[in-house]
Amino acid sequence: MPRLTTRLHRFAPALLLLAAPLTLAADEPARWDAPGAGNPLLPGYFADPSIVHDGNSWYIFATIDPWGDKRLGLWTSENGRDWRFSTPNWPTKAAATSPTSGDSKVWAPSVVRAANGRWFMYVSVGSEVWVGTAAAPAGPWRDANGGKPLIARDFAPAYHMIDAEAFIDDDGQAYLYWGSGLNWTNGHCFVVKLKPDMVTFDGPPRDVTPENYFEGPFMVKAKGRYLLTYSDGNTTKDTYKVRYAIGATPFGPFHEAPNSPLLQTDAARDIVSPGHHAVFRAKGQSYILYHRQALPWPQSGDTVLRQVAVDPLTIAPDGTFAPVRPTHGSAVAGFAAARDRGLEWTPLGDGEAARAADDNYATLWRAPARGSGTIVADLGAIRQVAGSRLRPEFATRRYRYALDTSRDGKRWTRLLAPGDHQGSPITLRHPVTTRYLRLTVATPGAGLWEWSIDGETAQRR
């Protein structure tokens, strides 16, 4: 059996036993907008994901779309399916900016646990790489390099100094890979050995660019081989993909594998521009976590909206990859439990409201562009209700909601007065015995991925 080393190696041994080659389940549901799809994994628009496991929790750090934000997104889950959104205290655009950073926002985190037990984050701010540290993935985080970038913009001005990814080898030695191109061409990949402090360079950086490299390097070790995975193409179009190259050392030389690309657009199945990924393990199986274009695609105007997906990754006995067949979710059942959907309900009236109860983070119910919109949920019988969990289109924006209750669907009583809320999930406490609930969304044009209604005995997340 080949051996795999990724960012979790040495620190989560129970996750690192390589499974036999995976036989993919049928891709059900076949359509992206069918009920019950497990991909996208997260409810919202995020990109460039980095995933770690610590204690009983999973953590996904990611770029906030559209096209970055003044801070990062952090999603936390105990079961791999029900995720809670927050924003780490560091970095922010204001706290991690130098005179040469440029106007670009906070992008592309890489989070690893070092041999000394501390966690380190390598993150792009502007066109530079910064480094922070924390005692735990949830933070609090702080700058680890004296308030200056680890890799300045002028290190190699012909390329973007972004997309840094840390790799820890079997012996505990850490390496840092980074680099992207300009104007969607001319990407170069650099690597440097890190000293135990995870900040100081141990020797000069080297250019190890393989064929067809653009950005987003991620190192995987299998059966003594170093597999440099990376993205190529344009993430705003349908050309983005994951390729990989093979080398005998962390410094290469690297040459693209004969069966590369590893992951690419499957337009017939509505999977567009998968890329900028991370590789991890769970329950003895390897997975690739990545972003792809939000659906339906293309988006209107110049908006760039991406969503995070996960699919199984098979490593052959010779330490090479088998190409990934991206799915709409069924093949990731081994990674995570079923979502906690709460009480079953059906919408009354507007058929579009069913999108808020279809267990699919690719489909939205949307309020009218002017005025308010309503969804009436029928629980099928009079039941005890504890509250609601709302997953809005954008976890960083504020939305205004009100809630009414009725036992017969005709006479209504105000349960929650209109109020402003933010986050994901937005948790509303409203204990009541009822059959019908009416949710009013008073933010024009607001989108809602899912509305979960909890019974009194439900364990709410």
Protein backbone atom coordinates (compact mmCIF):
# COMPACT_ATOMS: atom_id res chain seq x y z
CA MET A 1 0.00 0.00 0.00
CA PRO A 2 1.32 3.48 -0.80
CA ARG A 3 1.85 5.94 2.00
CA LEU A 4 0.40 9.44 1.92
CA THR A 5 1.80 12.51 3.64
CA THR A 6 -0.24 15.70 3.66
CA ARG A 7 -0.68 18.64 6.00
CA LEU A 8 -2.26 16.33 8.61
CA HIS A 9 0.68 13.88 8.71
CA ARG A 10 2.18 13.11 12.16
CA PHE A 11 -0.62 14.91 13.97
CA ALA A 12 -3.71 12.84 13.18
CA PRO A 13 -2.42 9.29 12.68
CA ALA A 14 -5.86 7.75 12.82
CA LEU A 15 -6.71 9.63 9.62
CA LEU A 16 -3.63 8.60 7.68
CA LEU A 17 -4.11 4.89 6.98
CA LEU A 18 -4.32 4.61 3.23
CA ALA A 19 -7.42 2.87 1.99
CA ALA A 20 -7.61 0.48 -0.92
CA PRO A 21 -8.47 2.18 -4.23
CA LEU A 22 -11.99 3.55 -3.97
CA THR A 23 -14.80 2.35 -6.18
CA LEU A 24 -16.87 5.48 -6.77
CA ALA A 25 -20.54 5.32 -6.02
CA ALA A 26 -22.92 6.33 -8.78
CA ASP A 27 -23.16 10.08 -8.97
CA GLU A 28 -26.58 10.50 -7.48
CA PRO A 29 -28.25 12.91 -7.70
CA ALA A 30 -27.18 13.29 -11.32
CA ARG A 31 -28.32 16.92 -11.62
CA TRP A 32 -26.81 19.80 -9.70
CA ASP A 33 -30.23 21.15 -8.70
CA ALA A 34 -31.71 17.85 -7.47
CA PRO A 35 -32.68 17.48 -3.80
CA GLY A 36 -30.13 15.98 -1.44
CA ALA A 37 -26.91 16.89 -3.24
CA GLY A 38 -23.89 16.77 -0.91
CA ASN A 39 -21.88 19.19 -3.04
CA PRO A 40 -21.40 22.09 -2.60
CA LEU A 41 -20.19 21.26 0.89
CA LEU A 42 -20.63 24.78 2.31
CA PRO A 43 -23.66 27.09 2.12
CA GLY A 44 -22.23 30.12 0.38
CA TYR A 45 -19.58 31.44 -1.97
CA PHE A 46 -16.03 30.57 -0.91
CA ALA A 47 -12.78 29.60 -2.61
CA ASP A 48 -9.19 28.40 -2.02
CA PRO A 49 -10.10 26.10 0.91
CA SER A 50 -7.69 24.77 3.53
CA ILE A 51 -8.93 22.01 5.86
CA VAL A 52 -7.58 20.67 9.17
CA HIS A 53 -8.88 18.38 11.89
CA ASP A 54 -8.21 18.99 15.59
CA GLY A 55 -9.87 17.21 18.50
CA ASN A 56 -13.46 16.54 17.49
CA SER A 57 -13.74 19.34 14.96
CA TRP A 58 -13.08 20.05 11.30
CA TYR A 59 -12.01 23.55 10.25
CA ILE A 60 -12.18 24.96 6.72
CA PHE A 61 -10.44 28.29 6.13
CA ALA A 62 -11.33 29.95 2.82
CA THR A 63 -11.39 33.06 0.67
CA ILE A 64 -14.71 34.91 0.88
CA ASP A 65 -16.26 35.57 -2.52
CA PRO A 66 -16.87 37.64 -4.52
CA TRP A 67 -13.11 37.85 -5.08
CA GLY A 68 -11.89 38.15 -1.52
CA ASP A 69 -12.76 40.19 1.53
CA LYS A 70 -11.04 42.18 4.26
CA ARG A 71 -10.83 38.96 6.30
CA LEU A 72 -11.06 35.19 5.87
CA GLY A 73 -13.98 32.84 6.30
CA LEU A 74 -13.76 29.99 8.82
CA TRP A 75 -16.24 27.09 8.86
CA THR A 76 -16.32 24.67 11.80
CA SER A 77 -18.08 21.29 12.05
CA GLU A 78 -18.08 18.24 14.27
CA ASN A 79 -19.62 15.91 11.69
CA GLY A 80 -18.37 17.26 8.36
CA ARG A 81 -21.85 18.30 7.22
CA ASP A 82 -23.28 20.93 9.58
CA TRP A 83 -20.96 23.94 9.37
CA ARG A 84 -20.86 27.14 11.43
CA PHE A 85 -19.43 30.33 9.98
CA SER A 86 -17.09 32.80 11.68
CA THR A 87 -14.25 35.12 10.75
CA PRO A 88 -10.83 34.67 12.41
CA ASN A 89 -9.50 37.70 14.25
CA TRP A 90 -6.36 37.62 12.05
CA PRO A 91 -5.54 38.33 9.30
CA THR A 92 -7.42 41.40 8.22
CA LYS A 93 -6.55 43.66 5.32
CA ALA A 94 -5.79 46.45 7.78
CA ALA A 95 -3.61 44.34 10.10
CA ALA A 96 -1.59 42.57 7.39
CA THR A 97 -0.68 45.20 4.85
CA SER A 98 2.70 46.62 3.86
CA PRO A 99 3.56 49.56 1.58
CA THR A 100 3.96 47.08 -1.30
CA SER A 101 0.91 44.87 -0.68
CA GLY A 102 -1.37 46.39 -3.31
CA ASP A 103 -5.14 46.68 -3.26
CA SER A 104 -6.06 42.99 -3.47
CA LYS A 105 -7.80 41.53 -0.45
CA VAL A 106 -7.28 38.53 1.85
CA TRP A 107 -6.97 35.25 -0.05
CA ALA A 108 -5.89 31.65 -0.05
CA PRO A 109 -5.06 30.46 3.50
CA SER A 110 -2.92 27.42 4.28
CA VAL A 111 -3.16 26.15 7.85
CA VAL A 112 -0.85 23.48 9.34
CA ARG A 113 0.24 22.20 12.72
CA ALA A 114 4.00 22.37 13.25
CA ALA A 115 6.26 19.92 15.06
CA ASN A 116 6.17 22.20 18.14
CA GLY A 117 2.39 21.78 18.36
CA ARG A 118 1.49 25.33 17.33
CA TRP A 119 -0.65 26.12 14.31
CA PHE A 120 0.60 28.32 11.50
CA MET A 121 -1.30 30.11 8.75
CA TYR A 122 0.26 31.25 5.48
CA VAL A 123 -2.10 33.66 3.76
CA SER A 124 -2.10 36.02 0.79
CA VAL A 125 -2.86 39.67 1.54
CA GLY A 126 -2.63 41.85 -1.52
CA SER A 127 0.15 40.32 -3.58
CA GLU A 128 2.23 39.16 -0.62
CA VAL A 129 2.37 36.23 1.80
CA TRP A 130 1.94 36.77 5.53
CA VAL A 131 2.29 34.25 8.36
CA GLY A 132 0.36 33.97 11.63
CA THR A 133 0.26 31.55 14.52
CA ALA A 134 -2.23 30.26 17.10
CA ALA A 135 -2.50 27.62 19.81
CA ALA A 136 -5.62 26.15 18.15
CA PRO A 137 -7.28 26.41 14.71
CA ALA A 138 -10.12 28.50 16.13
CA GLY A 139 -7.55 31.05 17.34
CA PRO A 140 -6.99 33.65 18.53
CA TRP A 141 -4.44 34.21 15.77
CA ARG A 142 -1.58 36.70 15.74
CA ASP A 143 1.08 37.83 13.31
CA ALA A 144 4.23 35.67 13.57
CA ASN A 145 6.71 37.78 11.59
CA GLY A 146 6.97 41.16 13.29
CA GLY A 147 4.21 42.87 11.32
CA LYS A 148 5.78 42.40 7.89
CA PRO A 149 5.17 40.03 4.99
CA LEU A 150 7.03 36.73 4.92
CA ILE A 151 7.27 36.95 1.13
CA ALA A 152 7.18 40.50 -0.21
CA ARG A 153 5.64 41.48 -3.52
CA ASP A 154 9.04 42.39 -4.97
CA PHE A 155 10.59 38.94 -4.34
CA ALA A 156 9.78 38.08 -7.97
CA PRO A 157 7.82 41.03 -9.42
CA ALA A 158 7.10 39.23 -12.70
CA TYR A 159 4.74 36.89 -10.82
CA HIS A 160 2.17 37.10 -8.04
CA MET A 161 3.60 36.24 -4.62
CA ILE A 162 0.43 34.49 -3.41
CA ASP A 163 -1.05 31.03 -2.80
CA ALA A 164 1.46 29.80 -0.21
CA GLU A 165 1.01 26.21 1.00
CA ALA A 166 3.01 24.55 3.78
CA PHE A 167 4.01 20.87 3.58
CA ILE A 168 5.43 18.82 6.46
CA ASP A 169 7.45 15.76 5.44
CA ASP A 170 7.65 12.39 7.23
CA ASP A 171 10.63 13.61 9.27
CA GLY A 172 8.84 16.74 10.45
CA GLN A 173 10.72 19.07 8.11
CA ALA A 174 8.52 21.87 6.81
CA TYR A 175 8.57 23.39 3.33
CA LEU A 176 6.66 26.32 1.86
CA TYR A 177 5.45 26.41 -1.77
CA TRP A 178 3.95 29.46 -3.45
CA GLY A 179 3.52 31.46 -6.63
CA SER A 180 0.98 32.53 -9.25
CA GLY A 181 1.09 34.16 -12.67
CA LEU A 182 0.06 37.55 -13.96
CA ASN A 183 -2.83 38.09 -16.36
CA TRP A 184 -3.65 34.36 -16.26
CA THR A 185 -0.27 33.38 -17.74
CA ASN A 186 3.35 32.76 -16.73
CA GLY A 187 2.84 31.12 -13.35
CA HIS A 188 5.97 30.10 -11.44
CA CYS A 189 6.25 27.89 -8.35
CA PHE A 190 8.83 28.56 -5.64
CA VAL A 191 9.75 26.43 -2.62
CA VAL A 192 11.86 27.02 0.48
CA LYS A 193 12.78 24.89 3.48
CA LEU A 194 11.57 26.35 6.79
CA LYS A 195 13.43 26.33 10.09
CA PRO A 196 11.62 24.91 13.16
CA ASP A 197 10.12 28.32 13.94
CA MET A 198 8.09 27.93 10.69
CA VAL A 199 8.96 31.52 9.77
CA THR A 200 12.69 31.65 8.99
CA PHE A 201 13.93 30.39 5.62
CA ASP A 202 16.51 27.60 5.85
CA GLY A 203 18.37 28.32 2.64
CA PRO A 204 17.39 30.24 -0.51
CA PRO A 205 14.04 29.73 -2.25
CA ARG A 206 14.16 27.69 -5.46
CA ASP A 207 12.11 27.86 -8.63
CA VAL A 208 10.61 24.36 -9.18
CA THR A 209 7.96 25.22 -11.77
CA PRO A 210 6.57 22.15 -13.58
CA GLU A 211 4.87 22.11 -16.96
CA ASN A 212 1.51 23.94 -17.25
CA TYR A 213 1.79 25.53 -13.80
CA PHE A 214 -0.26 28.60 -12.98
CA GLU A 215 -0.97 28.76 -9.21
CA GLY A 216 -2.25 27.02 -6.07
CA PRO A 217 0.51 24.48 -5.27
CA PHE A 218 -0.24 21.66 -2.83
CA MET A 219 2.31 18.94 -2.00
CA VAL A 220 1.36 15.30 -1.38
CA LYS A 221 3.79 12.46 -0.64
CA ALA A 222 2.90 8.90 -1.62
CA LYS A 223 5.15 5.81 -1.70
CA GLY A 224 8.30 7.90 -1.53
CA ARG A 225 7.23 10.17 -4.38
CA TYR A 226 6.56 13.89 -4.08
CA LEU A 227 3.41 14.81 -5.99
CA LEU A 228 3.17 18.55 -6.62
CA THR A 229 -0.46 19.33 -7.38
CA TYR A 230 -1.42 22.74 -8.76
CA SER A 231 -4.01 24.73 -10.71
CA ASP A 232 -3.91 25.80 -14.34
CA GLY A 233 -6.27 27.93 -16.42
CA ASN A 234 -8.61 30.79 -15.51
CA THR A 235 -10.84 30.44 -12.45
CA THR A 236 -13.30 33.01 -13.88
CA LYS A 237 -13.90 30.90 -16.98
CA ASP A 238 -14.33 27.18 -17.68
CA THR A 239 -10.62 26.38 -18.11
CA TYR A 240 -9.50 26.07 -14.48
CA LYS A 241 -8.27 22.59 -13.51
CA VAL A 242 -5.92 20.65 -11.20
CA ARG A 243 -2.76 19.13 -12.63
CA TYR A 244 0.06 17.26 -10.91
CA ALA A 245 3.77 16.62 -11.38
CA ILE A 246 6.09 14.01 -9.84
CA GLY A 247 9.49 14.49 -8.21
CA ALA A 248 11.97 12.48 -6.14
CA THR A 249 12.56 15.23 -3.53
CA PRO A 250 10.61 18.20 -2.12
CA PHE A 251 12.65 20.36 -4.50
CA GLY A 252 11.94 18.18 -7.54
CA PRO A 253 12.77 18.36 -10.34
CA PHE A 254 9.06 18.02 -11.13
CA HIS A 255 7.59 16.78 -14.40
CA GLU A 256 3.90 16.58 -15.15
CA ALA A 257 2.42 13.10 -14.80
CA PRO A 258 1.25 11.31 -17.97
CA ASN A 259 -2.34 11.11 -16.66
CA SER A 260 -2.57 14.76 -15.60
CA PRO A 261 -4.92 16.73 -15.35
CA LEU A 262 -6.20 15.31 -12.10
CA LEU A 263 -9.49 17.25 -11.95
CA GLN A 264 -11.15 19.35 -14.64
CA THR A 265 -14.39 20.80 -16.01
CA ASP A 266 -17.17 18.36 -16.86
CA ALA A 267 -19.56 20.68 -18.68
CA ALA A 268 -22.08 17.94 -19.49
CA ARG A 269 -22.58 17.43 -15.76
CA ASP A 270 -22.52 21.14 -14.82
CA ILE A 271 -19.17 21.05 -13.03
CA VAL A 272 -17.17 24.09 -14.09
CA SER A 273 -13.55 25.10 -13.34
CA PRO A 274 -12.63 22.97 -10.30
CA GLY A 275 -9.34 24.00 -8.73
CA HIS A 276 -7.27 25.58 -5.94
CA HIS A 277 -7.55 22.57 -3.71
CA ALA A 278 -6.34 20.80 -0.59
CA VAL A 279 -5.85 17.07 0.00
CA PHE A 280 -6.84 15.47 3.32
CA ARG A 281 -7.84 12.15 4.83
CA ALA A 282 -10.86 10.97 6.78
CA LYS A 283 -11.89 7.48 7.86
CA GLY A 284 -9.03 5.92 5.92
CA GLN A 285 -9.90 7.60 2.60
CA SER A 286 -8.17 10.42 0.74
CA TYR A 287 -10.23 13.40 -0.43
CA ILE A 288 -9.69 16.50 -2.51
CA LEU A 289 -11.35 19.72 -1.33
CA TYR A 290 -11.63 22.44 -3.97
CA HIS A 291 -13.70 25.28 -5.33
CA ARG A 292 -15.70 25.38 -8.54
CA GLN A 293 -18.00 27.86 -10.24
CA ALA A 294 -21.34 28.51 -8.54
CA LEU A 295 -24.36 27.35 -10.52
CA PRO A 296 -26.15 28.26 -12.67
CA TRP A 297 -23.09 29.32 -14.67
CA PRO A 298 -22.09 31.72 -16.09
CA GLN A 299 -23.02 34.41 -13.57
CA SER A 300 -24.31 37.74 -14.79
CA GLY A 301 -21.89 40.63 -15.22
CA ASP A 302 -18.34 40.39 -13.85
CA THR A 303 -19.27 38.63 -10.63
CA VAL A 304 -16.97 35.77 -9.58
CA LEU A 305 -18.82 33.36 -7.28
CA ARG A 306 -17.30 29.99 -6.35
CA GLN A 307 -18.37 27.21 -4.01
CA VAL A 308 -16.44 24.55 -2.09
CA ALA A 309 -16.85 20.88 -3.01
CA VAL A 310 -15.22 17.63 -1.89
CA ASP A 311 -14.65 14.35 -3.72
CA PRO A 312 -12.75 11.10 -3.11
CA LEU A 313 -9.16 10.87 -4.31
CA THR A 314 -7.61 7.52 -5.25
CA ILE A 315 -3.87 6.85 -5.07
CA ALA A 316 -2.56 3.96 -7.14
CA PRO A 317 -0.11 1.38 -5.71
CA ASP A 318 2.78 3.10 -7.56
CA GLY A 319 2.12 6.38 -5.75
CA THR A 320 0.38 8.21 -8.59
CA PHE A 321 -3.14 9.61 -8.69
CA ALA A 322 -6.17 8.33 -10.52
CA PRO A 323 -8.09 11.18 -12.19
CA VAL A 324 -10.94 12.47 -10.01
CA ARG A 325 -14.53 12.24 -11.23
CA PRO A 326 -16.18 15.26 -9.59
CA THR A 327 -19.66 14.66 -8.22
CA HIS A 328 -22.73 16.39 -6.92
CA GLY A 329 -22.22 14.73 -3.62
CA SER A 330 -23.13 11.07 -3.21
CA ALA A 331 -19.52 9.85 -3.37
CA VAL A 332 -18.53 11.77 -0.22
CA ALA A 333 -20.83 9.88 2.13
CA GLY A 334 -17.79 8.29 3.76
CA PHE A 335 -16.43 11.69 4.80
CA ALA A 336 -19.38 13.07 6.69
CA ALA A 337 -22.69 12.25 8.29
CA ALA A 338 -26.06 13.26 6.89
CA ARG A 339 -26.97 16.88 7.47
CA ASP A 340 -29.11 17.73 10.50
CA ARG A 341 -32.17 18.93 8.61
CA GLY A 342 -34.55 19.24 11.56
CA LEU A 343 -38.26 18.60 11.12
CA GLU A 344 -39.56 17.67 7.69
CA TRP A 345 -41.67 20.38 6.08
CA THR A 346 -43.20 21.24 2.72
CA PRO A 347 -43.88 24.70 1.31
CA LEU A 348 -47.35 26.05 0.62
CA GLY A 349 -48.02 28.04 -2.52
CA ASP A 350 -44.84 29.19 -4.25
CA GLY A 351 -43.03 26.20 -5.75
CA GLU A 352 -39.70 28.04 -5.62
CA ALA A 353 -39.85 27.86 -1.82
CA ALA A 354 -39.04 24.14 -2.05
CA ARG A 355 -35.43 25.17 -2.71
CA ALA A 356 -35.17 26.20 0.94
CA ALA A 357 -36.03 22.63 2.00
CA ASP A 358 -34.20 20.52 -0.59
CA ASP A 359 -30.94 19.84 1.29
CA ASN A 360 -28.89 21.31 -1.56
CA TYR A 361 -26.47 24.22 -1.18
CA ALA A 362 -26.44 24.86 -4.93
CA THR A 363 -30.10 25.95 -5.05
CA LEU A 364 -31.53 29.17 -3.62
CA TRP A 365 -34.92 30.58 -2.81
CA ARG A 366 -34.78 34.30 -3.48
CA ALA A 367 -36.96 37.15 -2.22
CA PRO A 368 -38.37 39.61 -4.75
CA ALA A 369 -36.06 42.40 -5.92
CA ARG A 370 -38.49 44.87 -4.33
CA GLY A 371 -40.41 44.50 -1.11
CA SER A 372 -40.57 41.37 1.05
CA GLY A 373 -40.89 37.68 0.32
CA THR A 374 -42.52 34.90 2.36
CA ILE A 375 -42.20 31.15 2.73
CA VAL A 376 -44.96 29.19 4.46
CA ALA A 377 -43.78 25.89 5.93
CA ASP A 378 -46.27 23.09 6.56
CA LEU A 379 -45.05 20.59 9.19
CA GLY A 380 -47.80 18.13 8.21
CA ALA A 381 -49.29 18.05 11.71
CA ILE A 382 -49.28 20.11 14.88
CA ARG A 383 -45.81 19.75 16.37
CA GLN A 384 -43.59 21.19 19.07
CA VAL A 385 -41.04 23.55 17.55
CA ALA A 386 -37.93 24.90 19.25
CA GLY A 387 -36.60 27.28 16.61
CA SER A 388 -35.13 27.75 13.17
CA ARG A 389 -31.72 27.70 11.51
CA LEU A 390 -31.40 29.88 8.41
CA ARG A 391 -28.51 29.62 5.97
CA PRO A 392 -28.52 32.84 3.95
CA GLU A 393 -26.80 33.34 0.61
CA PHE A 394 -24.01 35.47 2.10
CA ALA A 395 -22.89 34.68 5.65
CA THR A 396 -21.22 38.10 5.97
CA ARG A 397 -24.28 40.20 5.14
CA ARG A 398 -27.19 41.31 7.29
CA TYR A 399 -30.74 40.16 6.57
CA ARG A 400 -34.09 41.12 8.06
CA TYR A 401 -36.50 38.35 9.08
CA ALA A 402 -39.87 38.02 10.84
CA LEU A 403 -41.83 34.88 11.74
CA ASP A 404 -45.52 34.10 12.21
CA THR A 405 -47.29 30.96 13.41
CA SER A 406 -50.65 29.32 12.70
CA ARG A 407 -52.35 26.06 13.56
CA ASP A 408 -54.79 26.17 10.64
CA GLY A 409 -52.93 28.18 7.97
CA LYS A 410 -55.58 30.95 8.15
CA ARG A 411 -55.24 32.78 11.45
CA TRP A 412 -51.70 33.98 12.09
CA THR A 413 -49.89 35.19 15.21
CA ARG A 414 -46.61 37.10 15.21
CA LEU A 415 -43.90 34.87 16.70
CA LEU A 416 -40.77 36.95 16.05
CA ALA A 417 -40.80 40.67 15.32
CA PRO A 418 -38.76 41.87 12.33
CA GLY A 419 -35.09 41.95 13.19
CA ASP A 420 -31.66 42.10 11.55
CA HIS A 421 -29.48 38.99 11.63
CA GLN A 422 -26.11 37.88 10.30
CA GLY A 423 -24.10 34.64 10.13
CA SER A 424 -24.64 31.04 9.07
CA PRO A 425 -26.59 29.38 10.39
CA ILE A 426 -28.68 32.21 11.80
CA THR A 427 -30.27 30.60 14.84
CA LEU A 428 -33.74 31.83 15.86
CA ARG A 429 -35.25 30.67 19.14
CA HIS A 430 -39.07 30.49 18.95
CA PRO A 431 -40.62 27.66 21.02
CA VAL A 432 -44.20 27.05 19.89
CA THR A 433 -46.69 24.28 19.22
CA THR A 434 -47.93 24.74 15.68
CA ARG A 435 -48.39 23.27 12.22
CA TYR A 436 -47.53 26.27 10.03
CA LEU A 437 -44.69 28.78 10.17
CA ARG A 438 -44.44 31.82 7.91
CA LEU A 439 -41.00 33.28 7.35
CA THR A 440 -40.91 36.84 6.03
CA VAL A 441 -37.66 37.95 4.40
CA ALA A 442 -37.75 41.73 4.41
CA THR A 443 -34.42 42.24 2.62
CA PRO A 444 -35.14 42.72 -1.11
CA GLY A 445 -33.40 40.15 -3.31
CA ALA A 446 -32.10 38.14 -0.35
CA GLY A 447 -31.24 34.50 -1.05
CA LEU A 448 -31.75 31.56 1.31
CA TRP A 449 -29.99 28.20 0.88
CA GLU A 450 -31.90 26.29 3.57
CA TRP A 451 -34.44 26.78 6.36
CA SER A 452 -34.19 24.08 9.02
CA ILE A 453 -36.95 23.87 11.64
CA ASP A 454 -35.98 22.20 14.92
CA GLY A 455 -38.22 20.17 17.20
CA GLU A 456 -38.12 20.70 20.94
CA THR A 457 -35.90 17.64 21.47
CA ALA A 458 -33.54 18.38 18.56
CA GLN A 459 -29.89 19.04 19.23
CA ARG A 460 -29.38 22.39 17.58
CA ARG A 461 -26.11 23.38 15.92
